[in-house]
Amino acid sequence: MNKNYVYMIIIILLMIISYLPLFTLNDEESWNLTKEDGIYENFTAIFYLLSGILMLFSFVRSKSEEGGYFLKTNRNYFFLLLGLLFLFFCGEEISWGQRILDIKTPEIL
Protein backbone atom coordinates (compact mmCIF):
# COMPACT_ATOMS: atom_id res chain seq x y z
CA MET A 1 0.00 0.00 0.00
CA ASN A 2 1.26 3.46 -0.89
CA LYS A 3 2.53 5.55 2.04
CA ASN A 4 0.33 8.51 1.04
CA TYR A 5 -2.79 6.33 1.25
CA VAL A 6 -1.85 5.29 4.77
CA TYR A 7 -1.53 8.94 5.80
CA MET A 8 -4.89 9.78 4.24
CA ILE A 9 -6.60 6.87 6.01
CA ILE A 10 -5.05 7.93 9.35
CA ILE A 11 -6.22 11.53 8.86
CA ILE A 12 -9.76 10.44 7.94
CA LEU A 13 -9.93 8.13 10.96
CA LEU A 14 -8.72 10.92 13.27
CA MET A 15 -11.39 13.24 11.87
CA ILE A 16 -14.11 10.65 12.45
CA ILE A 17 -12.87 9.91 15.98
CA SER A 18 -12.71 13.62 16.85
CA TYR A 19 -16.40 14.10 15.96
CA LEU A 20 -17.73 10.96 17.63
CA PRO A 21 -18.19 12.64 21.03
CA LEU A 22 -20.55 15.17 19.46
CA PHE A 23 -22.86 12.36 18.37
CA THR A 24 -22.64 10.26 21.52
CA LEU A 25 -22.87 12.91 24.27
CA ASN A 26 -25.98 14.74 25.37
CA ASP A 27 -26.65 18.32 24.26
CA GLU A 28 -25.14 20.02 27.31
CA GLU A 29 -21.89 18.07 27.14
CA SER A 30 -21.63 18.68 23.39
CA TRP A 31 -22.19 22.39 23.98
CA ASN A 32 -19.37 22.45 26.55
CA LEU A 33 -16.99 20.93 23.99
CA THR A 34 -17.93 23.31 21.18
CA LYS A 35 -18.43 26.57 23.08
CA GLU A 36 -16.42 29.71 22.45
CA ASP A 37 -12.82 29.14 23.61
CA GLY A 38 -13.68 25.48 24.18
CA ILE A 39 -11.47 22.52 23.38
CA TYR A 40 -12.73 22.13 19.80
CA GLU A 41 -12.15 25.78 18.95
CA ASN A 42 -8.69 25.77 20.50
CA PHE A 43 -7.68 22.65 18.60
CA THR A 44 -9.09 24.14 15.39
CA ALA A 45 -6.92 27.24 15.84
CA ILE A 46 -3.85 25.10 16.55
CA PHE A 47 -4.45 22.94 13.48
CA TYR A 48 -4.99 26.00 11.26
CA LEU A 49 -1.72 27.43 12.56
CA LEU A 50 0.15 24.17 11.94
CA SER A 51 -1.41 23.84 8.48
CA GLY A 52 -0.39 27.40 7.60
CA ILE A 53 3.19 26.80 8.73
CA LEU A 54 3.31 23.51 6.81
CA MET A 55 2.05 25.17 3.63
CA LEU A 56 4.54 28.04 3.94
CA PHE A 57 7.32 25.50 4.50
CA SER A 58 6.10 23.59 1.42
CA PHE A 59 6.21 26.83 -0.58
CA VAL A 60 9.83 27.42 0.41
CA ARG A 61 10.74 23.80 -0.44
CA SER A 62 8.95 23.83 -3.82
CA LYS A 63 11.84 25.33 -5.77
CA SER A 64 11.97 24.17 -9.37
CA GLU A 65 14.70 25.12 -11.82
CA GLU A 66 12.57 24.28 -14.87
CA GLY A 67 9.64 26.52 -13.97
CA GLY A 68 7.31 23.54 -13.90
CA TYR A 69 4.53 25.14 -11.88
CA PHE A 70 1.48 27.18 -12.83
CA LEU A 71 2.36 30.01 -15.25
CA LYS A 72 5.93 28.65 -15.49
CA THR A 73 6.92 29.92 -12.03
CA ASN A 74 9.88 28.54 -10.09
CA ARG A 75 7.85 28.04 -6.91
CA ASN A 76 4.40 26.65 -6.28
CA TYR A 77 2.45 29.76 -5.27
CA PHE A 78 -0.59 27.64 -4.48
CA PHE A 79 1.23 26.57 -1.28
CA LEU A 80 1.85 30.22 -0.40
CA LEU A 81 -1.83 31.11 -0.90
CA LEU A 82 -2.96 28.13 1.17
CA GLY A 83 -0.48 28.99 3.93
CA LEU A 84 -1.68 32.58 4.13
CA LEU A 85 -5.31 31.44 4.02
CA PHE A 86 -4.79 28.98 6.91
CA LEU A 87 -3.01 31.66 8.95
CA PHE A 88 -5.94 34.00 8.27
CA PHE A 89 -8.34 31.27 9.45
CA CYS A 90 -6.26 30.80 12.60
CA GLY A 91 -6.45 34.52 13.34
CA GLU A 92 -10.20 34.51 12.80
CA GLU A 93 -10.63 31.45 15.02
CA ILE A 94 -8.97 33.22 17.95
CA SER A 95 -10.76 36.50 17.08
CA TRP A 96 -7.39 38.10 16.33
CA GLY A 97 -6.49 37.89 20.02
CA GLN A 98 -9.30 40.17 21.17
CA ARG A 99 -10.67 37.78 23.78
CA ILE A 100 -7.23 36.60 24.82
CA LEU A 101 -5.90 40.16 25.30
CA ASP A 102 -9.30 41.51 26.45
CA ILE A 103 -9.51 44.13 23.68
CA LYS A 104 -13.00 45.46 23.04
CA THR A 105 -14.38 45.87 19.53
CA PRO A 106 -14.54 49.56 18.54
CA GLU A 107 -18.04 51.05 18.43
CA ILE A 108 -17.58 52.02 14.77
CA LEU A 109 -17.50 48.31 13.85
C-alpha atoms as a PDB file:
ATOM      1  CA  MET A   1       0.000   0.000   0.000  1.00  0.00           C
ATOM      2  CA  ASN A   2       1.262   3.461  -0.889  1.00  0.00           C
ATOM      3  CA  LYS A   3       2.535   5.555   2.044  1.00  0.00           C
ATOM      4  CA  ASN A   4       0.328   8.507   1.044  1.00  0.00           C
ATOM      5  CA  TYR A   5      -2.791   6.334   1.251  1.00  0.00           C
ATOM      6  CA  VAL A   6      -1.852   5.286   4.769  1.00  0.00           C
ATOM      7  CA  TYR A   7      -1.525   8.945   5.798  1.00  0.00           C
ATOM      8  CA  MET A   8      -4.887   9.785   4.241  1.00  0.00           C
ATOM      9  CA  ILE A   9      -6.595   6.872   6.010  1.00  0.00           C
ATOM     10  CA  ILE A  10      -5.051   7.933   9.351  1.00  0.00           C
ATOM     11  CA  ILE A  11      -6.224  11.531   8.863  1.00  0.00           C
ATOM     12  CA  ILE A  12      -9.756  10.438   7.942  1.00  0.00           C
ATOM     13  CA  LEU A  13      -9.932   8.131  10.963  1.00  0.00           C
ATOM     14  CA  LEU A  14      -8.718  10.922  13.268  1.00  0.00           C
ATOM     15  CA  MET A  15     -11.393  13.238  11.868  1.00  0.00           C
ATOM     16  CA  ILE A  16     -14.107  10.653  12.451  1.00  0.00           C
ATOM     17  CA  ILE A  17     -12.870   9.915  15.982  1.00  0.00           C
ATOM     18  CA  SER A  18     -12.711  13.623  16.847  1.00  0.00           C
ATOM     19  CA  TYR A  19     -16.395  14.103  15.962  1.00  0.00           C
ATOM     20  CA  LEU A  20     -17.734  10.955  17.625  1.00  0.00           C
ATOM     21  CA  PRO A  21     -18.193  12.644  21.031  1.00  0.00           C
ATOM     22  CA  LEU A  22     -20.554  15.172  19.457  1.00  0.00           C
ATOM     23  CA  PHE A  23     -22.860  12.358  18.365  1.00  0.00           C
ATOM     24  CA  THR A  24     -22.636  10.256  21.523  1.00  0.00           C
ATOM     25  CA  LEU A  25     -22.874  12.907  24.272  1.00  0.00           C
ATOM     26  CA  ASN A  26     -25.981  14.738  25.369  1.00  0.00           C
ATOM     27  CA  ASP A  27     -26.653  18.325  24.258  1.00  0.00           C
ATOM     28  CA  GLU A  28     -25.138  20.024  27.308  1.00  0.00           C
ATOM     29  CA  GLU A  29     -21.888  18.071  27.139  1.00  0.00           C
ATOM     30  CA  SER A  30     -21.634  18.681  23.392  1.00  0.00           C
ATOM     31  CA  TRP A  31     -22.191  22.387  23.978  1.00  0.00           C
ATOM     32  CA  ASN A  32     -19.366  22.449  26.545  1.00  0.00           C
ATOM     33  CA  LEU A  33     -16.986  20.932  23.986  1.00  0.00           C
ATOM     34  CA  THR A  34     -17.931  23.307  21.177  1.00  0.00           C
ATOM     35  CA  LYS A  35     -18.435  26.567  23.081  1.00  0.00           C
ATOM     36  CA  GLU A  36     -16.416  29.708  22.450  1.00  0.00           C
ATOM     37  CA  ASP A  37     -12.822  29.139  23.613  1.00  0.00           C
ATOM     38  CA  GLY A  38     -13.677  25.478  24.177  1.00  0.00           C
ATOM     39  CA  ILE A  39     -11.468  22.518  23.381  1.00  0.00           C
ATOM     40  CA  TYR A  40     -12.725  22.126  19.799  1.00  0.00           C
ATOM     41  CA  GLU A  41     -12.148  25.775  18.946  1.00  0.00           C
ATOM     42  CA  ASN A  42      -8.694  25.768  20.501  1.00  0.00           C
ATOM     43  CA  PHE A  43      -7.682  22.646  18.596  1.00  0.00           C
ATOM     44  CA  THR A  44      -9.088  24.141  15.390  1.00  0.00           C
ATOM     45  CA  ALA A  45      -6.923  27.242  15.845  1.00  0.00           C
ATOM     46  CA  ILE A  46      -3.848  25.103  16.547  1.00  0.00           C
ATOM     47  CA  PHE A  47      -4.452  22.943  13.480  1.00  0.00           C
ATOM     48  CA  TYR A  48      -4.992  26.005  11.264  1.00  0.00           C
ATOM     49  CA  LEU A  49      -1.718  27.430  12.557  1.00  0.00           C
ATOM     50  CA  LEU A  50       0.150  24.165  11.944  1.00  0.00           C
ATOM     51  CA  SER A  51      -1.406  23.837   8.481  1.00  0.00           C
ATOM     52  CA  GLY A  52      -0.393  27.398   7.599  1.00  0.00           C
ATOM     53  CA  ILE A  53       3.187  26.800   8.730  1.00  0.00           C
ATOM     54  CA  LEU A  54       3.313  23.511   6.814  1.00  0.00           C
ATOM     55  CA  MET A  55       2.045  25.167   3.629  1.00  0.00           C
ATOM     56  CA  LEU A  56       4.539  28.038   3.936  1.00  0.00           C
ATOM     57  CA  PHE A  57       7.315  25.497   4.496  1.00  0.00           C
ATOM     58  CA  SER A  58       6.099  23.591   1.419  1.00  0.00           C
ATOM     59  CA  PHE A  59       6.205  26.825  -0.584  1.00  0.00           C
ATOM     60  CA  VAL A  60       9.831  27.415   0.406  1.00  0.00           C
ATOM     61  CA  ARG A  61      10.743  23.804  -0.439  1.00  0.00           C
ATOM     62  CA  SER A  62       8.951  23.828  -3.818  1.00  0.00           C
ATOM     63  CA  LYS A  63      11.840  25.330  -5.775  1.00  0.00           C
ATOM     64  CA  SER A  64      11.966  24.166  -9.367  1.00  0.00           C
ATOM     65  CA  GLU A  65      14.701  25.125 -11.821  1.00  0.00           C
ATOM     66  CA  GLU A  66      12.572  24.277 -14.872  1.00  0.00           C
ATOM     67  CA  GLY A  67       9.643  26.517 -13.965  1.00  0.00           C
ATOM     68  CA  GLY A  68       7.311  23.539 -13.900  1.00  0.00           C
ATOM     69  CA  TYR A  69       4.534  25.137 -11.881  1.00  0.00           C
ATOM     70  CA  PHE A  70       1.483  27.185 -12.829  1.00  0.00           C
ATOM     71  CA  LEU A  71       2.364  30.008 -15.255  1.00  0.00           C
ATOM     72  CA  LYS A  72       5.933  28.648 -15.487  1.00  0.00           C
ATOM     73  CA  THR A  73       6.918  29.919 -12.028  1.00  0.00           C
ATOM     74  CA  ASN A  74       9.878  28.543 -10.089  1.00  0.00           C
ATOM     75  CA  ARG A  75       7.852  28.042  -6.909  1.00  0.00           C
ATOM     76  CA  ASN A  76       4.395  26.646  -6.284  1.00  0.00           C
ATOM     77  CA  TYR A  77       2.454  29.756  -5.268  1.00  0.00           C
ATOM     78  CA  PHE A  78      -0.587  27.636  -4.481  1.00  0.00           C
ATOM     79  CA  PHE A  79       1.230  26.571  -1.283  1.00  0.00           C
ATOM     80  CA  LEU A  80       1.849  30.220  -0.401  1.00  0.00           C
ATOM     81  CA  LEU A  81      -1.826  31.109  -0.902  1.00  0.00           C
ATOM     82  CA  LEU A  82      -2.960  28.131   1.171  1.00  0.00           C
ATOM     83  CA  GLY A  83      -0.481  28.992   3.931  1.00  0.00           C
ATOM     84  CA  LEU A  84      -1.683  32.580   4.130  1.00  0.00           C
ATOM     85  CA  LEU A  85      -5.308  31.435   4.024  1.00  0.00           C
ATOM     86  CA  PHE A  86      -4.795  28.980   6.907  1.00  0.00           C
ATOM     87  CA  LEU A  87      -3.006  31.655   8.953  1.00  0.00           C
ATOM     88  CA  PHE A  88      -5.940  34.002   8.275  1.00  0.00           C
ATOM     89  CA  PHE A  89      -8.343  31.271   9.451  1.00  0.00           C
ATOM     90  CA  CYS A  90      -6.260  30.803  12.597  1.00  0.00           C
ATOM     91  CA  GLY A  91      -6.452  34.520  13.344  1.00  0.00           C
ATOM     92  CA  GLU A  92     -10.201  34.510  12.796  1.00  0.00           C
ATOM     93  CA  GLU A  93     -10.630  31.447  15.020  1.00  0.00           C
ATOM     94  CA  ILE A  94      -8.970  33.224  17.951  1.00  0.00           C
ATOM     95  CA  SER A  95     -10.758  36.498  17.078  1.00  0.00           C
ATOM     96  CA  TRP A  96      -7.394  38.098  16.329  1.00  0.00           C
ATOM     97  CA  GLY A  97      -6.491  37.886  20.017  1.00  0.00           C
ATOM     98  CA  GLN A  98      -9.304  40.174  21.172  1.00  0.00           C
ATOM     99  CA  ARG A  99     -10.673  37.781  23.776  1.00  0.00           C
ATOM    100  CA  ILE A 100      -7.230  36.605  24.822  1.00  0.00           C
ATOM    101  CA  LEU A 101      -5.904  40.162  25.301  1.00  0.00           C
ATOM    102  CA  ASP A 102      -9.301  41.512  26.449  1.00  0.00           C
ATOM    103  CA  ILE A 103      -9.512  44.134  23.684  1.00  0.00           C
ATOM    104  CA  LYS A 104     -13.002  45.464  23.042  1.00  0.00           C
ATOM    105  CA  THR A 105     -14.378  45.869  19.530  1.00  0.00           C
ATOM    106  CA  PRO A 106     -14.538  49.560  18.539  1.00  0.00           C
ATOM    107  CA  GLU A 107     -18.044  51.052  18.433  1.00  0.00           C
ATOM    108  CA  ILE A 108     -17.580  52.019  14.767  1.00  0.00           C
ATOM    109  CA  LEU A 109     -17.503  48.310  13.846  1.00  0.00           C
END
